[in-house]
Amino acid sequence: MTISDLITAAAARLTEAGVSFGHGTTNAHDEAAWLVLWSLHLPLDSDDASGDVTVPEPDVAKAMALIARRIETRKPAAYLTGEAWLQGVPFTVDERVIVPRSLIAECLADASIDPWLTDKTRQVLDLCTGNGSLAVLAAMAWPEVEVVGADLSADALAVARVNVERHHLQDRILLVQGDGLAATGGRVFDLILCNPPYVNSQSMAQLPPEYLAEPTLALAGGSDGMDFIRSLLRDAPAHLSDQGLLVLEIGHEKPHFEAAFPQLAPIWLSTSAGDDDVLLLTREALLMQPSSPAVPLSRT
């Protein structure tokens, strides 16, 4: 059996089993290729994946055993391999964190946030950092900035620390634990990136097993998905510099977002998922919210 044949057979098994995708792949073939190549200790971009290289029977059995484990456990492939890729960058992953897939990563890679930054942008916060992937990508995108990665989960931060060290960014990324913006103390940032828990309760109840294998803390956003976001938008102005920005991912929750914050007019950033998943808000826009607390306008 060739590698190509093995991937085809594995994809057929995944399709027949009706597994769900969305944790790095969107279809059975790509998921099968990921698992087969990983089991064979080959890079994901290996030329052998489409060639006629013959796979020894013991390796065929090993690969199909991994496919069987994917089907039986319904765990995302990243949990089985211990690694996920985001914008071509590898990250260590385990069940203490959700599998990195934030669309904000695309905005970092395509520089769509850059026009909103200034020459004074130096302090960046990755709030709800999880495994630290956005903090790492931000530090890579902007070599001149310092990044803080914050999360409520000590377990998640332990994984984030592995990734910060993996990419040799200990000198530029600080990891802190706490509830929301309170984790940062009184620090002020020029840019806050946030991929928060935003899945509404009805959607949570309908999630396939692959998503339920992830930490609920990082997914569930309350009845309308806006619980964390309400406190974030209320408190963010006090943690932003004068020209500070908030870039926020809300997934498929735009109707709930607009119902909860009808007075806001965010700037929507285009991603591969469309134009309704990631938004940008200036500090000035946040201060115009009726519920915003009074905070000084002059910030350094």
Protein backbone atom coordinates (compact mmCIF):
# COMPACT_ATOMS: atom_id res chain seq x y z
CA MET A 1 0.00 0.00 0.00
CA THR A 2 1.35 3.44 -0.91
CA ILE A 3 1.08 6.50 1.31
CA SER A 4 -1.53 7.93 -1.04
CA ASP A 5 -3.56 4.70 -0.84
CA LEU A 6 -3.25 4.69 2.94
CA ILE A 7 -4.52 8.26 3.20
CA THR A 8 -7.45 7.42 0.91
CA ALA A 9 -8.36 4.37 3.00
CA ALA A 10 -8.06 6.35 6.24
CA ALA A 11 -10.24 9.14 4.85
CA ALA A 12 -12.89 6.59 3.92
CA ARG A 13 -12.86 5.26 7.49
CA LEU A 14 -13.29 8.75 8.91
CA THR A 15 -16.11 9.55 6.51
CA GLU A 16 -17.92 6.31 7.27
CA ALA A 17 -17.62 6.96 11.00
CA GLY A 18 -19.08 10.45 10.65
CA VAL A 19 -16.44 12.25 12.70
CA SER A 20 -16.54 16.06 12.90
CA PHE A 21 -13.79 18.39 11.74
CA GLY A 22 -12.83 21.99 12.42
CA HIS A 23 -9.73 21.64 14.59
CA GLY A 24 -7.13 22.30 11.92
CA THR A 25 -8.81 20.52 9.03
CA THR A 26 -12.21 20.80 7.37
CA ASN A 27 -12.54 17.45 5.63
CA ALA A 28 -11.77 13.73 5.94
CA HIS A 29 -8.91 13.67 3.42
CA ASP A 30 -6.92 16.43 5.13
CA GLU A 31 -7.52 14.90 8.56
CA ALA A 32 -6.43 11.50 7.30
CA ALA A 33 -3.31 12.98 5.71
CA TRP A 34 -2.41 14.72 8.98
CA LEU A 35 -2.75 11.56 11.07
CA VAL A 36 -1.13 9.21 8.56
CA LEU A 37 1.88 11.45 7.94
CA TRP A 38 2.32 12.06 11.65
CA SER A 39 2.23 8.33 12.38
CA LEU A 40 4.90 7.82 9.70
CA HIS A 41 7.06 10.63 11.16
CA LEU A 42 6.76 12.62 7.94
CA PRO A 43 6.18 16.40 7.68
CA LEU A 44 2.68 17.51 6.80
CA ASP A 45 3.92 18.99 3.52
CA SER A 46 5.73 15.80 2.53
CA ASP A 47 5.87 15.14 -1.22
CA ASP A 48 5.42 11.45 -0.43
CA ALA A 49 1.77 12.01 0.47
CA SER A 50 0.75 11.98 -3.20
CA GLY A 51 3.44 9.62 -4.46
CA ASP A 52 3.85 5.88 -4.79
CA VAL A 53 6.11 5.23 -1.82
CA THR A 54 5.21 1.85 -0.34
CA VAL A 55 4.40 1.72 3.36
CA PRO A 56 5.55 -1.36 5.31
CA GLU A 57 2.69 -3.37 6.81
CA PRO A 58 3.62 -2.59 10.44
CA ASP A 59 3.44 1.12 9.63
CA VAL A 60 0.11 0.67 7.87
CA ALA A 61 -1.23 -1.01 10.98
CA LYS A 62 0.14 1.78 13.17
CA ALA A 63 -1.49 4.48 11.05
CA MET A 64 -4.85 2.73 10.93
CA ALA A 65 -4.72 2.20 14.68
CA LEU A 66 -4.37 5.95 15.08
CA ILE A 67 -7.34 6.49 12.76
CA ALA A 68 -9.31 4.00 14.84
CA ARG A 69 -8.40 5.92 17.99
CA ARG A 70 -9.57 9.15 16.39
CA ILE A 71 -12.91 7.50 15.61
CA GLU A 72 -13.38 5.76 18.94
CA THR A 73 -12.43 8.67 21.19
CA ARG A 74 -13.81 11.48 19.00
CA LYS A 75 -10.91 13.59 20.25
CA PRO A 76 -9.49 16.26 17.90
CA ALA A 77 -6.47 15.03 15.98
CA ALA A 78 -4.29 17.63 17.70
CA TYR A 79 -4.86 15.92 21.04
CA LEU A 80 -3.69 12.64 19.55
CA THR A 81 -0.56 14.11 17.97
CA GLY A 82 0.20 16.69 20.65
CA GLU A 83 0.67 19.39 18.05
CA ALA A 84 -1.33 21.84 15.98
CA TRP A 85 -0.36 24.40 13.34
CA LEU A 86 -1.65 27.94 13.04
CA GLN A 87 -0.55 30.10 10.12
CA GLY A 88 2.25 27.64 9.43
CA VAL A 89 3.62 27.82 12.98
CA PRO A 90 3.66 24.66 15.14
CA PHE A 91 2.26 24.70 18.66
CA THR A 92 2.23 22.15 21.43
CA VAL A 93 -1.33 21.17 22.35
CA ASP A 94 -3.02 18.90 24.87
CA GLU A 95 -6.40 18.61 26.54
CA ARG A 96 -5.69 21.49 28.93
CA VAL A 97 -6.30 23.95 26.07
CA ILE A 98 -8.60 24.30 23.10
CA VAL A 99 -7.03 23.50 19.75
CA PRO A 100 -5.69 26.80 18.33
CA ARG A 101 -7.77 27.99 15.39
CA SER A 102 -8.45 31.67 16.08
CA LEU A 103 -9.25 33.71 13.00
CA ILE A 104 -7.32 36.57 14.59
CA ALA A 105 -4.22 34.67 13.50
CA GLU A 106 -5.16 35.45 9.90
CA CYS A 107 -5.38 39.15 10.73
CA LEU A 108 -1.88 38.98 12.18
CA ALA A 109 -0.53 37.12 9.17
CA ASP A 110 -2.12 39.32 6.49
CA ALA A 111 -1.31 42.56 8.36
CA SER A 112 -4.94 43.72 8.29
CA ILE A 113 -4.55 45.12 11.82
CA ASP A 114 -1.38 47.04 10.97
CA PRO A 115 -3.04 50.12 9.40
CA TRP A 116 -4.74 50.80 12.75
CA LEU A 117 -1.51 50.72 14.74
CA THR A 118 0.76 53.69 15.37
CA ASP A 119 4.50 54.10 15.69
CA LYS A 120 3.92 54.09 19.45
CA THR A 121 2.38 50.61 19.54
CA ARG A 122 4.59 48.70 21.94
CA GLN A 123 2.38 46.91 24.48
CA VAL A 124 0.11 44.06 23.29
CA LEU A 125 -2.19 41.86 25.37
CA ASP A 126 -3.42 38.43 24.27
CA LEU A 127 -6.38 37.93 26.58
CA CYS A 128 -7.65 34.35 26.98
CA THR A 129 -4.33 33.24 25.57
CA GLY A 130 -4.95 29.49 25.90
CA ASN A 131 -1.90 27.72 24.54
CA GLY A 132 -0.28 31.07 23.77
CA SER A 133 -0.53 30.84 19.99
CA LEU A 134 -1.79 34.38 19.37
CA ALA A 135 0.77 35.81 21.78
CA VAL A 136 3.52 34.02 19.88
CA LEU A 137 2.19 35.07 16.47
CA ALA A 138 1.87 38.69 17.63
CA ALA A 139 5.45 38.71 18.85
CA MET A 140 6.55 37.27 15.51
CA ALA A 141 4.49 39.76 13.51
CA TRP A 142 5.74 42.81 15.41
CA PRO A 143 9.34 42.35 16.61
CA GLU A 144 9.25 45.72 18.37
CA VAL A 145 6.40 44.92 20.78
CA GLU A 146 6.19 43.28 24.17
CA VAL A 147 3.32 40.84 24.67
CA VAL A 148 1.39 39.78 27.75
CA GLY A 149 -0.57 36.53 27.56
CA ALA A 150 -3.33 36.26 30.17
CA ASP A 151 -5.66 33.41 31.07
CA LEU A 152 -7.82 32.28 33.97
CA SER A 153 -6.59 28.70 33.63
CA ALA A 154 -3.28 27.80 35.24
CA ASP A 155 -3.32 24.60 33.17
CA ALA A 156 -3.63 26.56 29.94
CA LEU A 157 -0.78 28.85 30.95
CA ALA A 158 1.43 25.83 31.58
CA VAL A 159 0.92 24.85 27.94
CA ALA A 160 1.41 28.45 26.80
CA ARG A 161 4.74 28.52 28.63
CA VAL A 162 5.87 25.49 26.66
CA ASN A 163 5.04 27.29 23.40
CA VAL A 164 6.69 30.55 24.42
CA GLU A 165 9.86 28.63 25.21
CA ARG A 166 9.51 26.51 22.08
CA HIS A 167 9.70 29.66 19.97
CA HIS A 168 12.36 31.31 22.14
CA LEU A 169 10.21 34.31 23.07
CA GLN A 170 10.63 34.28 26.84
CA ASP A 171 12.21 37.75 26.74
CA ARG A 172 9.21 39.30 24.97
CA ILE A 173 6.16 37.42 26.23
CA LEU A 174 4.99 37.56 29.84
CA LEU A 175 2.31 35.10 30.97
CA VAL A 176 -0.05 36.07 33.78
CA GLN A 177 -2.98 34.32 35.45
CA GLY A 178 -6.27 35.91 36.47
CA ASP A 179 -9.88 36.61 35.63
CA GLY A 180 -10.14 38.71 32.49
CA LEU A 181 -8.40 42.06 32.47
CA ALA A 182 -7.91 41.85 36.25
CA ALA A 183 -5.03 39.49 35.48
CA THR A 184 -3.00 42.42 34.13
CA GLY A 185 -3.31 44.66 37.18
CA GLY A 186 -3.26 48.31 36.15
CA ARG A 187 -1.31 47.81 32.95
CA VAL A 188 -2.28 49.76 29.85
CA PHE A 189 -1.97 48.33 26.33
CA ASP A 190 -1.87 49.71 22.83
CA LEU A 191 -3.59 46.61 21.46
CA ILE A 192 -5.70 43.91 23.06
CA LEU A 193 -6.30 40.70 21.14
CA CYS A 194 -9.03 38.47 22.51
CA ASN A 195 -10.53 35.16 21.41
CA PRO A 196 -12.83 34.67 24.43
CA PRO A 197 -15.37 32.02 25.36
CA TYR A 198 -18.34 33.08 23.21
CA VAL A 199 -20.40 29.98 22.35
CA ASN A 200 -24.00 30.50 23.42
CA SER A 201 -25.72 27.89 25.58
CA GLN A 202 -27.95 26.54 22.82
CA SER A 203 -24.96 26.01 20.54
CA MET A 204 -22.98 24.44 23.38
CA ALA A 205 -25.72 21.84 23.78
CA GLN A 206 -25.41 20.94 20.09
CA LEU A 207 -21.63 20.72 19.81
CA PRO A 208 -20.21 17.45 18.45
CA PRO A 209 -17.98 15.33 20.73
CA GLU A 210 -14.77 16.75 19.24
CA TYR A 211 -15.61 20.18 20.63
CA LEU A 212 -16.89 18.82 23.93
CA ALA A 213 -13.46 17.23 24.39
CA GLU A 214 -12.07 20.75 24.80
CA PRO A 215 -12.14 22.73 28.07
CA THR A 216 -15.65 24.15 28.53
CA LEU A 217 -14.14 27.16 30.30
CA ALA A 218 -12.61 28.29 27.00
CA LEU A 219 -15.80 27.85 24.96
CA ALA A 220 -19.00 28.58 26.91
CA GLY A 221 -20.09 32.20 26.90
CA GLY A 222 -23.42 31.99 28.71
CA SER A 223 -26.96 32.09 27.38
CA ASP A 224 -26.17 34.48 24.51
CA GLY A 225 -22.42 33.94 24.41
CA MET A 226 -21.72 37.47 25.61
CA ASP A 227 -21.00 36.97 29.34
CA PHE A 228 -17.23 37.46 29.14
CA ILE A 229 -17.51 40.04 26.39
CA ARG A 230 -19.79 42.29 28.45
CA SER A 231 -17.20 42.68 31.18
CA LEU A 232 -14.41 43.01 28.62
CA LEU A 233 -16.03 45.89 26.76
CA ARG A 234 -16.91 47.58 30.05
CA ASP A 235 -13.38 47.38 31.44
CA ALA A 236 -11.25 47.63 28.29
CA PRO A 237 -11.02 51.45 28.06
CA ALA A 238 -9.18 51.60 31.38
CA HIS A 239 -6.57 49.22 29.96
CA LEU A 240 -6.09 50.90 26.60
CA SER A 241 -3.83 53.80 25.65
CA ASP A 242 -5.33 56.87 23.96
CA GLN A 243 -5.17 55.29 20.50
CA GLY A 244 -5.55 51.78 21.79
CA LEU A 245 -7.46 49.06 19.95
CA LEU A 246 -9.40 45.94 20.82
CA VAL A 247 -9.50 43.11 18.27
CA LEU A 248 -12.16 40.61 19.27
CA GLU A 249 -13.28 37.29 17.81
CA ILE A 250 -16.97 36.38 18.21
CA GLY A 251 -17.35 33.52 15.72
CA HIS A 252 -20.95 33.01 14.64
CA GLU A 253 -22.34 35.19 17.41
CA LYS A 254 -22.79 38.44 15.46
CA PRO A 255 -26.59 38.54 16.01
CA HIS A 256 -26.11 38.13 19.76
CA PHE A 257 -23.30 40.69 19.75
CA GLU A 258 -25.42 43.29 17.97
CA ALA A 259 -28.36 42.61 20.28
CA ALA A 260 -26.17 43.03 23.35
CA PHE A 261 -24.31 46.12 22.09
CA PRO A 262 -26.63 47.94 19.66
CA GLN A 263 -24.86 51.25 20.22
CA LEU A 264 -21.51 49.97 18.95
CA ALA A 265 -20.39 50.27 15.34
CA PRO A 266 -17.33 48.01 15.13
CA ILE A 267 -15.01 47.66 12.17
CA TRP A 268 -15.32 44.12 10.82
CA LEU A 269 -12.13 42.45 9.61
CA SER A 270 -12.24 40.02 6.71
CA THR A 271 -11.11 36.45 7.30
CA SER A 272 -11.45 33.12 5.51
CA ALA A 273 -14.71 32.59 7.44
CA GLY A 274 -16.22 35.83 6.16
CA ASP A 275 -16.63 39.38 7.41
CA ASP A 276 -18.67 38.76 10.57
CA ASP A 277 -16.33 36.85 12.89
CA VAL A 278 -13.60 39.30 13.96
CA LEU A 279 -14.13 42.93 14.87
CA LEU A 280 -12.04 45.92 15.80
CA LEU A 281 -13.02 48.63 18.30
CA THR A 282 -11.09 51.77 19.18
CA ARG A 283 -10.87 53.01 22.74
CA GLU A 284 -12.88 56.04 21.67
CA ALA A 285 -15.70 53.81 20.41
CA LEU A 286 -15.69 51.82 23.64
CA LEU A 287 -15.94 54.99 25.73
CA MET A 288 -19.14 55.92 23.92
CA GLN A 289 -20.93 52.92 25.40
CA PRO A 290 -23.60 54.03 27.88
CA SER A 291 -22.40 51.42 30.35
CA SER A 292 -18.74 52.41 30.20
CA PRO A 293 -17.30 53.67 33.48
CA ALA A 294 -15.78 57.11 33.64
CA VAL A 295 -12.05 56.78 32.95
CA PRO A 296 -9.44 59.45 32.26
CA LEU A 297 -9.00 60.30 28.59
CA SER A 298 -5.30 61.05 28.94
CA ARG A 299 -3.21 57.87 28.90
CA THR A 300 0.44 57.17 28.20
